[in-house]
Amino acid sequence: MSKVWEIDFYSRPILDEQQKKIWELLVCDSQRNFEFTKVCSGSQANARWLQESLAEALPLWRQQGNYGEQDFPERIRFFRRSMKSIIPRACEALEIPAQPSRRTFAVYQWLCEREQTVYPQHPGYQPMMAAPMVFEPTLPKPLPDALQGEGWRLVTLQLSAFADMDEWDIAFGDKIPLAQLNLPPETEIPGLLIFSERSTPLAGWMSGLELSCLKLEMDPKPQLLLETGLSDRWVIAYLNDGKLVAEIQGFEKTKQAAQQVHFVAVQSSPDSEQFAGFWLMQEMTAA
């Protein structure tokens, strides 16, 4: 079981008997092997309630993962900018680092499922009250020198290839809960391979960025972007000719057919069988 938690603590499109919004806490590990939910009223939605609820989830997580009483999550990721005050305060009280990040694919999947199958069944459901996930984009910045490779190319791997990803020789990386997506094993997963003689330090730098997704942006000019953190965007490549644009458009089409799943990998050379870095990702749209 993963030692990274992902949480969402926010109001839901549901009213209680007093016609007040219900708030919900979702806690899961990054592979969704552990899940915990708890609700409260809007008047209770504060850092103290969240701290107590996270503390309530801890022994359940330890029991399910066979952890000891001294074990804690390595960090807690969350994606809502509006909760950048409450969540870190609650986590600080538990001495668990809080990480604002869009690398919250597990709790995002879970939230989407609940919006389809759980909330509509509640007698107080109000569909027009659903709060979308809003990510405020920033202007793309040039990729720092430390993250620039000597070359790159687009590739695809079948979903079935990731079944033994835990056995791959990877120095830095992270995965997502693919099993929850119910994609056919023959689904093509697109990815970007970055080559560098400095592959290990480059991958080490990338591991600290909280990689979110790769994305084609056409306006004001075609460019391939790497999105990280809550809102950072980096230019992987300026697409200066039609052939490159068409290649990236094909990447986006394959990504869409795979429920937005894709990857970034770092290798020392095109002939290498080892990965200095490998990150599975899923572009998150409005939920």
C-alpha atoms as a PDB file:
ATOM      1  CA  MET A   1       0.000   0.000   0.000  1.00  0.00           C
ATOM      2  CA  SER A   2       1.291   3.454  -0.898  1.00  0.00           C
ATOM      3  CA  LYS A   3       2.515   5.785   1.835  1.00  0.00           C
ATOM      4  CA  VAL A   4       1.303   8.830  -0.102  1.00  0.00           C
ATOM      5  CA  TRP A   5      -2.208  10.014   0.697  1.00  0.00           C
ATOM      6  CA  GLU A   6      -4.463  12.043  -1.564  1.00  0.00           C
ATOM      7  CA  ILE A   7      -7.395  13.949  -0.088  1.00  0.00           C
ATOM      8  CA  ASP A   8     -10.289  16.143  -1.112  1.00  0.00           C
ATOM      9  CA  PHE A   9     -12.172  18.135   1.517  1.00  0.00           C
ATOM     10  CA  TYR A  10     -14.919  20.276   0.035  1.00  0.00           C
ATOM     11  CA  SER A  11     -18.653  20.881  -0.150  1.00  0.00           C
ATOM     12  CA  ARG A  12     -20.707  18.476  -2.247  1.00  0.00           C
ATOM     13  CA  PRO A  13     -23.837  19.102  -4.361  1.00  0.00           C
ATOM     14  CA  ILE A  14     -25.981  17.814  -1.501  1.00  0.00           C
ATOM     15  CA  LEU A  15     -28.163  19.656   1.055  1.00  0.00           C
ATOM     16  CA  ASP A  16     -28.955  18.326   4.510  1.00  0.00           C
ATOM     17  CA  GLU A  17     -32.375  18.483   6.209  1.00  0.00           C
ATOM     18  CA  GLN A  18     -31.744  22.127   7.125  1.00  0.00           C
ATOM     19  CA  GLN A  19     -30.983  22.930   3.454  1.00  0.00           C
ATOM     20  CA  LYS A  20     -27.312  23.479   4.242  1.00  0.00           C
ATOM     21  CA  LYS A  21     -24.425  22.163   2.133  1.00  0.00           C
ATOM     22  CA  ILE A  22     -22.840  18.905   3.201  1.00  0.00           C
ATOM     23  CA  TRP A  23     -19.041  18.782   3.245  1.00  0.00           C
ATOM     24  CA  GLU A  24     -17.170  15.558   2.556  1.00  0.00           C
ATOM     25  CA  LEU A  25     -13.651  14.320   3.200  1.00  0.00           C
ATOM     26  CA  LEU A  26     -12.204  11.732   0.830  1.00  0.00           C
ATOM     27  CA  VAL A  27      -8.916  10.074   1.825  1.00  0.00           C
ATOM     28  CA  CYS A  28      -7.149   7.418  -0.251  1.00  0.00           C
ATOM     29  CA  ASP A  29      -3.633   6.223  -0.896  1.00  0.00           C
ATOM     30  CA  SER A  30      -2.186   6.868  -4.342  1.00  0.00           C
ATOM     31  CA  GLN A  31      -3.253   3.423  -5.635  1.00  0.00           C
ATOM     32  CA  ARG A  32      -6.713   3.426  -3.998  1.00  0.00           C
ATOM     33  CA  ASN A  33      -5.945   0.370  -1.916  1.00  0.00           C
ATOM     34  CA  PHE A  34      -7.145   2.383   1.081  1.00  0.00           C
ATOM     35  CA  GLU A  35     -10.243   4.603   1.079  1.00  0.00           C
ATOM     36  CA  PHE A  36     -11.881   6.597   3.874  1.00  0.00           C
ATOM     37  CA  THR A  37     -14.850   8.974   3.799  1.00  0.00           C
ATOM     38  CA  LYS A  38     -16.486  11.225   6.356  1.00  0.00           C
ATOM     39  CA  VAL A  39     -19.013  14.066   6.112  1.00  0.00           C
ATOM     40  CA  CYS A  40     -19.712  17.172   8.156  1.00  0.00           C
ATOM     41  CA  SER A  41     -21.804  20.326   8.038  1.00  0.00           C
ATOM     42  CA  GLY A  42     -20.482  23.589   6.668  1.00  0.00           C
ATOM     43  CA  SER A  43     -20.217  24.993  10.187  1.00  0.00           C
ATOM     44  CA  GLN A  44     -17.878  22.124  11.144  1.00  0.00           C
ATOM     45  CA  ALA A  45     -15.666  22.427   8.053  1.00  0.00           C
ATOM     46  CA  ASN A  46     -12.449  23.727   9.579  1.00  0.00           C
ATOM     47  CA  ALA A  47      -8.878  22.646  10.228  1.00  0.00           C
ATOM     48  CA  ARG A  48      -9.673  21.145  13.635  1.00  0.00           C
ATOM     49  CA  TRP A  49     -12.409  18.862  12.250  1.00  0.00           C
ATOM     50  CA  LEU A  50     -10.127  17.851   9.374  1.00  0.00           C
ATOM     51  CA  GLN A  51      -7.230  17.126  11.724  1.00  0.00           C
ATOM     52  CA  GLU A  52      -9.416  14.897  13.919  1.00  0.00           C
ATOM     53  CA  SER A  53     -10.827  13.073  10.884  1.00  0.00           C
ATOM     54  CA  LEU A  54      -7.395  12.424   9.375  1.00  0.00           C
ATOM     55  CA  ALA A  55      -6.284  11.120  12.769  1.00  0.00           C
ATOM     56  CA  GLU A  56      -9.321   8.810  12.705  1.00  0.00           C
ATOM     57  CA  ALA A  57      -8.233   7.455   9.312  1.00  0.00           C
ATOM     58  CA  LEU A  58      -4.645   6.741  10.426  1.00  0.00           C
ATOM     59  CA  PRO A  59      -5.228   3.543  12.465  1.00  0.00           C
ATOM     60  CA  LEU A  60      -7.470   2.131   9.724  1.00  0.00           C
ATOM     61  CA  TRP A  61      -4.730   2.745   7.134  1.00  0.00           C
ATOM     62  CA  ARG A  62      -2.096   1.216   9.407  1.00  0.00           C
ATOM     63  CA  GLN A  63      -4.229  -1.858  10.026  1.00  0.00           C
ATOM     64  CA  GLN A  64      -5.032  -2.405   6.366  1.00  0.00           C
ATOM     65  CA  GLY A  65      -1.424  -1.855   5.258  1.00  0.00           C
ATOM     66  CA  ASN A  66       0.144  -3.786   8.141  1.00  0.00           C
ATOM     67  CA  TYR A  67       1.966  -0.669   9.318  1.00  0.00           C
ATOM     68  CA  GLY A  68       3.130   0.016  12.852  1.00  0.00           C
ATOM     69  CA  GLU A  69       1.851   2.655  15.234  1.00  0.00           C
ATOM     70  CA  GLN A  70       4.837   4.867  14.420  1.00  0.00           C
ATOM     71  CA  ASP A  71       4.139   4.824  10.663  1.00  0.00           C
ATOM     72  CA  PHE A  72       2.661   7.909   9.003  1.00  0.00           C
ATOM     73  CA  PRO A  73       1.984   8.868   5.386  1.00  0.00           C
ATOM     74  CA  GLU A  74       5.032  10.385   3.718  1.00  0.00           C
ATOM     75  CA  ARG A  75       2.898  13.315   2.538  1.00  0.00           C
ATOM     76  CA  ILE A  76      -0.684  14.284   1.773  1.00  0.00           C
ATOM     77  CA  ARG A  77      -1.460  15.668  -1.672  1.00  0.00           C
ATOM     78  CA  PHE A  78      -4.444  17.931  -2.394  1.00  0.00           C
ATOM     79  CA  PHE A  79      -5.509  19.806  -5.512  1.00  0.00           C
ATOM     80  CA  ARG A  80      -7.936  22.572  -4.444  1.00  0.00           C
ATOM     81  CA  ARG A  81      -6.255  25.973  -4.306  1.00  0.00           C
ATOM     82  CA  SER A  82      -9.059  27.282  -2.065  1.00  0.00           C
ATOM     83  CA  MET A  83      -8.047  24.764   0.639  1.00  0.00           C
ATOM     84  CA  LYS A  84      -4.395  25.894   0.812  1.00  0.00           C
ATOM     85  CA  SER A  85      -4.974  27.239   4.316  1.00  0.00           C
ATOM     86  CA  ILE A  86      -7.159  24.631   6.024  1.00  0.00           C
ATOM     87  CA  ILE A  87      -5.478  21.451   4.766  1.00  0.00           C
ATOM     88  CA  PRO A  88      -1.840  22.384   5.566  1.00  0.00           C
ATOM     89  CA  ARG A  89      -2.870  23.490   9.075  1.00  0.00           C
ATOM     90  CA  ALA A  90      -4.569  20.150   9.737  1.00  0.00           C
ATOM     91  CA  CYS A  91      -1.623  18.195   8.319  1.00  0.00           C
ATOM     92  CA  GLU A  92       0.924  20.249  10.267  1.00  0.00           C
ATOM     93  CA  ALA A  93      -0.846  19.358  13.519  1.00  0.00           C
ATOM     94  CA  LEU A  94      -0.346  15.673  12.621  1.00  0.00           C
ATOM     95  CA  GLU A  95       3.261  16.318  11.501  1.00  0.00           C
ATOM     96  CA  ILE A  96       2.505  15.093   7.974  1.00  0.00           C
ATOM     97  CA  PRO A  97       3.751  17.253   5.061  1.00  0.00           C
ATOM     98  CA  ALA A  98       0.962  18.712   2.883  1.00  0.00           C
ATOM     99  CA  GLN A  99       1.658  18.914  -0.865  1.00  0.00           C
ATOM    100  CA  PRO A 100      -0.472  21.121  -3.168  1.00  0.00           C
ATOM    101  CA  SER A 101      -0.468  19.134  -6.395  1.00  0.00           C
ATOM    102  CA  ARG A 102      -2.463  18.063  -9.400  1.00  0.00           C
ATOM    103  CA  ARG A 103      -0.783  14.678  -9.065  1.00  0.00           C
ATOM    104  CA  THR A 104      -3.926  13.535  -7.262  1.00  0.00           C
ATOM    105  CA  PHE A 105      -5.117  11.050  -9.859  1.00  0.00           C
ATOM    106  CA  ALA A 106      -6.497   8.511  -7.380  1.00  0.00           C
ATOM    107  CA  VAL A 107      -8.764  10.869  -5.465  1.00  0.00           C
ATOM    108  CA  TYR A 108      -9.762  12.516  -8.764  1.00  0.00           C
ATOM    109  CA  GLN A 109     -10.909   9.149 -10.161  1.00  0.00           C
ATOM    110  CA  TRP A 110     -12.796   8.436  -6.958  1.00  0.00           C
ATOM    111  CA  LEU A 111     -14.477  11.839  -6.921  1.00  0.00           C
ATOM    112  CA  CYS A 112     -15.603  11.429 -10.539  1.00  0.00           C
ATOM    113  CA  GLU A 113     -17.096   8.024  -9.713  1.00  0.00           C
ATOM    114  CA  ARG A 114     -18.963   9.427  -6.710  1.00  0.00           C
ATOM    115  CA  GLU A 115     -20.358  12.275  -8.793  1.00  0.00           C
ATOM    116  CA  GLN A 116     -21.801   9.688 -11.156  1.00  0.00           C
ATOM    117  CA  THR A 117     -23.034   6.998  -8.764  1.00  0.00           C
ATOM    118  CA  VAL A 118     -23.174   8.231  -5.149  1.00  0.00           C
ATOM    119  CA  TYR A 119     -24.246  11.861  -4.875  1.00  0.00           C
ATOM    120  CA  PRO A 120     -27.247  11.568  -7.270  1.00  0.00           C
ATOM    121  CA  GLN A 121     -28.716   8.890  -4.975  1.00  0.00           C
ATOM    122  CA  HIS A 122     -28.867  11.263  -2.003  1.00  0.00           C
ATOM    123  CA  PRO A 123     -32.327  12.830  -1.333  1.00  0.00           C
ATOM    124  CA  GLY A 124     -30.714  16.257  -1.005  1.00  0.00           C
ATOM    125  CA  TYR A 125     -28.825  16.083  -4.304  1.00  0.00           C
ATOM    126  CA  GLN A 126     -28.596  19.421  -6.157  1.00  0.00           C
ATOM    127  CA  PRO A 127     -26.803  18.879  -9.503  1.00  0.00           C
ATOM    128  CA  MET A 128     -26.496  22.593 -10.238  1.00  0.00           C
ATOM    129  CA  MET A 129     -24.430  23.027  -7.062  1.00  0.00           C
ATOM    130  CA  ALA A 130     -21.593  20.776  -8.167  1.00  0.00           C
ATOM    131  CA  ALA A 131     -18.272  22.595  -7.755  1.00  0.00           C
ATOM    132  CA  PRO A 132     -15.970  22.050 -10.743  1.00  0.00           C
ATOM    133  CA  MET A 133     -12.248  21.575 -10.308  1.00  0.00           C
ATOM    134  CA  VAL A 134     -10.699  24.803 -11.503  1.00  0.00           C
ATOM    135  CA  PHE A 135      -7.003  25.025 -12.337  1.00  0.00           C
ATOM    136  CA  GLU A 136      -5.799  28.529 -13.086  1.00  0.00           C
ATOM    137  CA  PRO A 137      -3.200  28.237 -15.858  1.00  0.00           C
ATOM    138  CA  THR A 138      -0.076  30.359 -15.768  1.00  0.00           C
ATOM    139  CA  LEU A 139       1.946  31.556 -18.724  1.00  0.00           C
ATOM    140  CA  PRO A 140       4.237  28.773 -19.988  1.00  0.00           C
ATOM    141  CA  LYS A 141       7.880  29.180 -19.009  1.00  0.00           C
ATOM    142  CA  PRO A 142      10.975  27.853 -20.775  1.00  0.00           C
ATOM    143  CA  LEU A 143      12.103  24.532 -19.378  1.00  0.00           C
ATOM    144  CA  PRO A 144      14.988  25.080 -16.910  1.00  0.00           C
ATOM    145  CA  ASP A 145      18.412  24.027 -18.148  1.00  0.00           C
ATOM    146  CA  ALA A 146      18.526  21.246 -15.537  1.00  0.00           C
ATOM    147  CA  LEU A 147      15.457  19.633 -17.148  1.00  0.00           C
ATOM    148  CA  GLN A 148      16.489  19.826 -20.774  1.00  0.00           C
ATOM    149  CA  GLY A 149      17.512  16.635 -22.530  1.00  0.00           C
ATOM    150  CA  GLU A 150      19.416  16.175 -25.767  1.00  0.00           C
ATOM    151  CA  GLY A 151      16.408  14.757 -27.607  1.00  0.00           C
ATOM    152  CA  TRP A 152      12.919  13.328 -27.336  1.00  0.00           C
ATOM    153  CA  ARG A 153      10.427  11.194 -29.216  1.00  0.00           C
ATOM    154  CA  LEU A 154       6.820  10.057 -28.878  1.00  0.00           C
ATOM    155  CA  VAL A 155       6.060   6.372 -28.315  1.00  0.00           C
ATOM    156  CA  THR A 156       3.184   4.136 -27.230  1.00  0.00           C
ATOM    157  CA  LEU A 157       2.969   1.128 -24.914  1.00  0.00           C
ATOM    158  CA  GLN A 158       0.051  -1.225 -24.492  1.00  0.00           C
ATOM    159  CA  LEU A 159      -1.708  -1.007 -21.148  1.00  0.00           C
ATOM    160  CA  SER A 160      -0.838  -4.648 -20.452  1.00  0.00           C
ATOM    161  CA  ALA A 161       2.848  -3.691 -20.405  1.00  0.00           C
ATOM    162  CA  PHE A 162       2.347  -1.821 -17.126  1.00  0.00           C
ATOM    163  CA  ALA A 163       1.220  -4.941 -15.234  1.00  0.00           C
ATOM    164  CA  ASP A 164       4.792  -5.561 -14.052  1.00  0.00           C
ATOM    165  CA  MET A 165       5.841  -1.898 -13.727  1.00  0.00           C
ATOM    166  CA  ASP A 166       6.869  -2.490 -10.111  1.00  0.00           C
ATOM    167  CA  GLU A 167       9.650  -4.749 -11.415  1.00  0.00           C
ATOM    168  CA  TRP A 168      11.052  -2.204 -13.884  1.00  0.00           C
ATOM    169  CA  ASP A 169      14.479  -0.683 -13.288  1.00  0.00           C
ATOM    170  CA  ILE A 170      13.408   2.895 -12.495  1.00  0.00           C
ATOM    171  CA  ALA A 171      15.393   5.367 -10.393  1.00  0.00           C
ATOM    172  CA  PHE A 172      12.614   7.950 -10.039  1.00  0.00           C
ATOM    173  CA  GLY A 173       8.946   7.690 -10.911  1.00  0.00           C
ATOM    174  CA  ASP A 174       5.348   7.242  -9.921  1.00  0.00           C
ATOM    175  CA  LYS A 175       2.272   5.451 -11.222  1.00  0.00           C
ATOM    176  CA  ILE A 176      -1.495   5.838 -11.080  1.00  0.00           C
ATOM    177  CA  PRO A 177      -4.339   3.389 -10.238  1.00  0.00           C
ATOM    178  CA  LEU A 178      -4.866   2.038 -13.758  1.00  0.00           C
ATOM    179  CA  ALA A 179      -7.096  -0.854 -12.670  1.00  0.00           C
ATOM    180  CA  GLN A 180      -9.857   1.552 -11.650  1.00  0.00           C
ATOM    181  CA  LEU A 181     -10.195   2.837 -15.230  1.00  0.00           C
ATOM    182  CA  ASN A 182     -11.373  -0.503 -16.687  1.00  0.00           C
ATOM    183  CA  LEU A 183      -9.473   0.051 -19.924  1.00  0.00           C
ATOM    184  CA  PRO A 184      -8.911  -2.945 -22.239  1.00  0.00           C
ATOM    185  CA  PRO A 185      -5.387  -4.417 -21.893  1.00  0.00           C
ATOM    186  CA  GLU A 186      -4.652  -3.659 -25.549  1.00  0.00           C
ATOM    187  CA  THR A 187      -5.268   0.088 -25.058  1.00  0.00           C
ATOM    188  CA  GLU A 188      -2.389   2.134 -26.443  1.00  0.00           C
ATOM    189  CA  ILE A 189      -0.887   4.495 -23.842  1.00  0.00           C
ATOM    190  CA  PRO A 190       1.082   7.358 -25.415  1.00  0.00           C
ATOM    191  CA  GLY A 191       4.226   8.774 -23.896  1.00  0.00           C
ATOM    192  CA  LEU A 192       7.188  11.078 -24.293  1.00  0.00           C
ATOM    193  CA  LEU A 193      10.723   9.694 -24.022  1.00  0.00           C
ATOM    194  CA  ILE A 194      13.381  12.247 -23.081  1.00  0.00           C
ATOM    195  CA  PHE A 195      17.026  11.310 -23.718  1.00  0.00           C
ATOM    196  CA  SER A 196      19.937  12.760 -21.792  1.00  0.00           C
ATOM    197  CA  GLU A 197      23.469  11.789 -20.832  1.00  0.00           C
ATOM    198  CA  ARG A 198      22.535  13.339 -17.484  1.00  0.00           C
ATOM    199  CA  SER A 199      19.444  11.152 -17.241  1.00  0.00           C
ATOM    200  CA  THR A 200      19.600  10.413 -13.502  1.00  0.00           C
ATOM    201  CA  PRO A 201      20.036  14.010 -12.251  1.00  0.00           C
ATOM    202  CA  LEU A 202      17.471  15.174 -14.824  1.00  0.00           C
ATOM    203  CA  ALA A 203      14.977  12.598 -13.544  1.00  0.00           C
ATOM    204  CA  GLY A 204      15.776  13.608  -9.981  1.00  0.00           C
ATOM    205  CA  TRP A 205      14.905  17.214 -10.772  1.00  0.00           C
ATOM    206  CA  MET A 206      11.687  16.174 -12.473  1.00  0.00           C
ATOM    207  CA  SER A 207      10.644  14.058  -9.499  1.00  0.00           C
ATOM    208  CA  GLY A 208      10.354  17.199  -7.394  1.00  0.00           C
ATOM    209  CA  LEU A 209       7.997  18.981  -9.793  1.00  0.00           C
ATOM    210  CA  GLU A 210       4.786  16.997  -9.115  1.00  0.00           C
ATOM    211  CA  LEU A 211       4.223  16.089 -12.783  1.00  0.00           C
ATOM    212  CA  SER A 212       0.593  16.503 -13.816  1.00  0.00           C
ATOM    213  CA  CYS A 213       0.250  16.079 -17.593  1.00  0.00           C
ATOM    214  CA  LEU A 214       1.558  16.743 -21.080  1.00  0.00           C
ATOM    215  CA  LYS A 215      -0.608  18.959 -23.218  1.00  0.00           C
ATOM    216  CA  LEU A 216      -0.698  20.468 -26.711  1.00  0.00           C
ATOM    217  CA  GLU A 217      -1.413  24.200 -26.784  1.00  0.00           C
ATOM    218  CA  MET A 218      -2.120  25.787 -30.154  1.00  0.00           C
ATOM    219  CA  ASP A 219      -2.708  29.421 -29.172  1.00  0.00           C
ATOM    220  CA  PRO A 220      -0.866  31.750 -29.511  1.00  0.00           C
ATOM    221  CA  LYS A 221       1.565  29.298 -31.131  1.00  0.00           C
ATOM    222  CA  PRO A 222       1.828  25.504 -31.183  1.00  0.00           C
ATOM    223  CA  GLN A 223       3.856  24.118 -28.291  1.00  0.00           C
ATOM    224  CA  LEU A 224       4.050  20.972 -26.201  1.00  0.00           C
ATOM    225  CA  LEU A 225       3.688  21.778 -22.508  1.00  0.00           C
ATOM    226  CA  LEU A 226       4.507  19.905 -19.315  1.00  0.00           C
ATOM    227  CA  GLU A 227       2.133  20.907 -16.512  1.00  0.00           C
ATOM    228  CA  THR A 228       3.296  20.517 -12.902  1.00  0.00           C
ATOM    229  CA  GLY A 229       2.305  21.468  -9.372  1.00  0.00           C
ATOM    230  CA  LEU A 230      -0.997  23.331  -9.062  1.00  0.00           C
ATOM    231  CA  SER A 231      -0.556  25.642 -12.028  1.00  0.00           C
ATOM    232  CA  ASP A 232       3.005  25.654 -13.434  1.00  0.00           C
ATOM    233  CA  ARG A 233       3.493  25.045 -17.147  1.00  0.00           C
ATOM    234  CA  TRP A 234       6.785  24.414 -18.955  1.00  0.00           C
ATOM    235  CA  VAL A 235       7.552  24.390 -22.676  1.00  0.00           C
ATOM    236  CA  ILE A 236       8.902  20.991 -23.712  1.00  0.00           C
ATOM    237  CA  ALA A 237       9.064  21.923 -27.391  1.00  0.00           C
ATOM    238  CA  TYR A 238       8.031  24.695 -29.740  1.00  0.00           C
ATOM    239  CA  LEU A 239       6.298  23.070 -32.719  1.00  0.00           C
ATOM    240  CA  ASN A 240       7.641  25.003 -35.669  1.00  0.00           C
ATOM    241  CA  ASP A 241       6.425  22.840 -38.551  1.00  0.00           C
ATOM    242  CA  GLY A 242       3.255  21.047 -39.578  1.00  0.00           C
ATOM    243  CA  LYS A 243       4.761  17.579 -39.236  1.00  0.00           C
ATOM    244  CA  LEU A 244       5.541  18.112 -35.556  1.00  0.00           C
ATOM    245  CA  VAL A 245       2.084  19.589 -34.921  1.00  0.00           C
ATOM    246  CA  ALA A 246       0.435  16.578 -36.579  1.00  0.00           C
ATOM    247  CA  GLU A 247       2.578  14.213 -34.485  1.00  0.00           C
ATOM    248  CA  ILE A 248       1.529  15.876 -31.227  1.00  0.00           C
ATOM    249  CA  GLN A 249      -2.102  15.981 -32.370  1.00  0.00           C
ATOM    250  CA  GLY A 250      -1.862  12.205 -32.859  1.00  0.00           C
ATOM    251  CA  PHE A 251      -0.451  11.923 -29.349  1.00  0.00           C
ATOM    252  CA  GLU A 252      -3.450  13.881 -28.002  1.00  0.00           C
ATOM    253  CA  LYS A 253      -5.907  11.670 -29.901  1.00  0.00           C
ATOM    254  CA  THR A 254      -4.326   8.506 -28.489  1.00  0.00           C
ATOM    255  CA  LYS A 255      -4.314  10.049 -25.025  1.00  0.00           C
ATOM    256  CA  GLN A 256      -8.019  10.875 -25.264  1.00  0.00           C
ATOM    257  CA  ALA A 257      -8.840   7.295 -26.293  1.00  0.00           C
ATOM    258  CA  ALA A 258      -6.969   6.103 -23.174  1.00  0.00           C
ATOM    259  CA  GLN A 259      -9.027   8.286 -20.798  1.00  0.00           C
ATOM    260  CA  GLN A 260      -6.220  10.883 -20.861  1.00  0.00           C
ATOM    261  CA  VAL A 261      -3.622   8.423 -19.501  1.00  0.00           C
ATOM    262  CA  HIS A 262      -0.061   8.984 -20.744  1.00  0.00           C
ATOM    263  CA  PHE A 263       3.518   9.011 -19.475  1.00  0.00           C
ATOM    264  CA  VAL A 264       6.854  10.787 -19.433  1.00  0.00           C
ATOM    265  CA  ALA A 265      10.064   8.763 -19.277  1.00  0.00           C
ATOM    266  CA  VAL A 266      13.749   9.676 -19.066  1.00  0.00           C
ATOM    267  CA  GLN A 267      16.518   7.482 -20.500  1.00  0.00           C
ATOM    268  CA  SER A 268      20.225   7.908 -21.096  1.00  0.00           C
ATOM    269  CA  SER A 269      19.841   6.976 -24.779  1.00  0.00           C
ATOM    270  CA  PRO A 270      17.310   5.480 -27.232  1.00  0.00           C
ATOM    271  CA  ASP A 271      19.076   2.112 -26.823  1.00  0.00           C
ATOM    272  CA  SER A 272      18.862   1.997 -23.040  1.00  0.00           C
ATOM    273  CA  GLU A 273      16.650  -0.621 -21.366  1.00  0.00           C
ATOM    274  CA  GLN A 274      16.624   1.274 -18.071  1.00  0.00           C
ATOM    275  CA  PHE A 275      14.581   4.282 -17.042  1.00  0.00           C
ATOM    276  CA  ALA A 276      16.113   7.033 -14.972  1.00  0.00           C
ATOM    277  CA  GLY A 277      12.555   8.304 -14.580  1.00  0.00           C
ATOM    278  CA  PHE A 278       9.077   7.095 -15.486  1.00  0.00           C
ATOM    279  CA  TRP A 279       5.837   8.840 -14.533  1.00  0.00           C
ATOM    280  CA  LEU A 280       2.357   7.713 -15.445  1.00  0.00           C
ATOM    281  CA  MET A 281      -0.155  10.565 -15.577  1.00  0.00           C
ATOM    282  CA  GLN A 282      -3.788  11.304 -16.376  1.00  0.00           C
ATOM    283  CA  GLU A 283      -4.869  14.743 -17.499  1.00  0.00           C
ATOM    284  CA  MET A 284      -7.568  15.904 -15.099  1.00  0.00           C
ATOM    285  CA  THR A 285     -10.519  17.769 -16.559  1.00  0.00           C
ATOM    286  CA  ALA A 286     -13.354  19.515 -14.731  1.00  0.00           C
ATOM    287  CA  ALA A 287     -14.967  17.251 -12.166  1.00  0.00           C
END
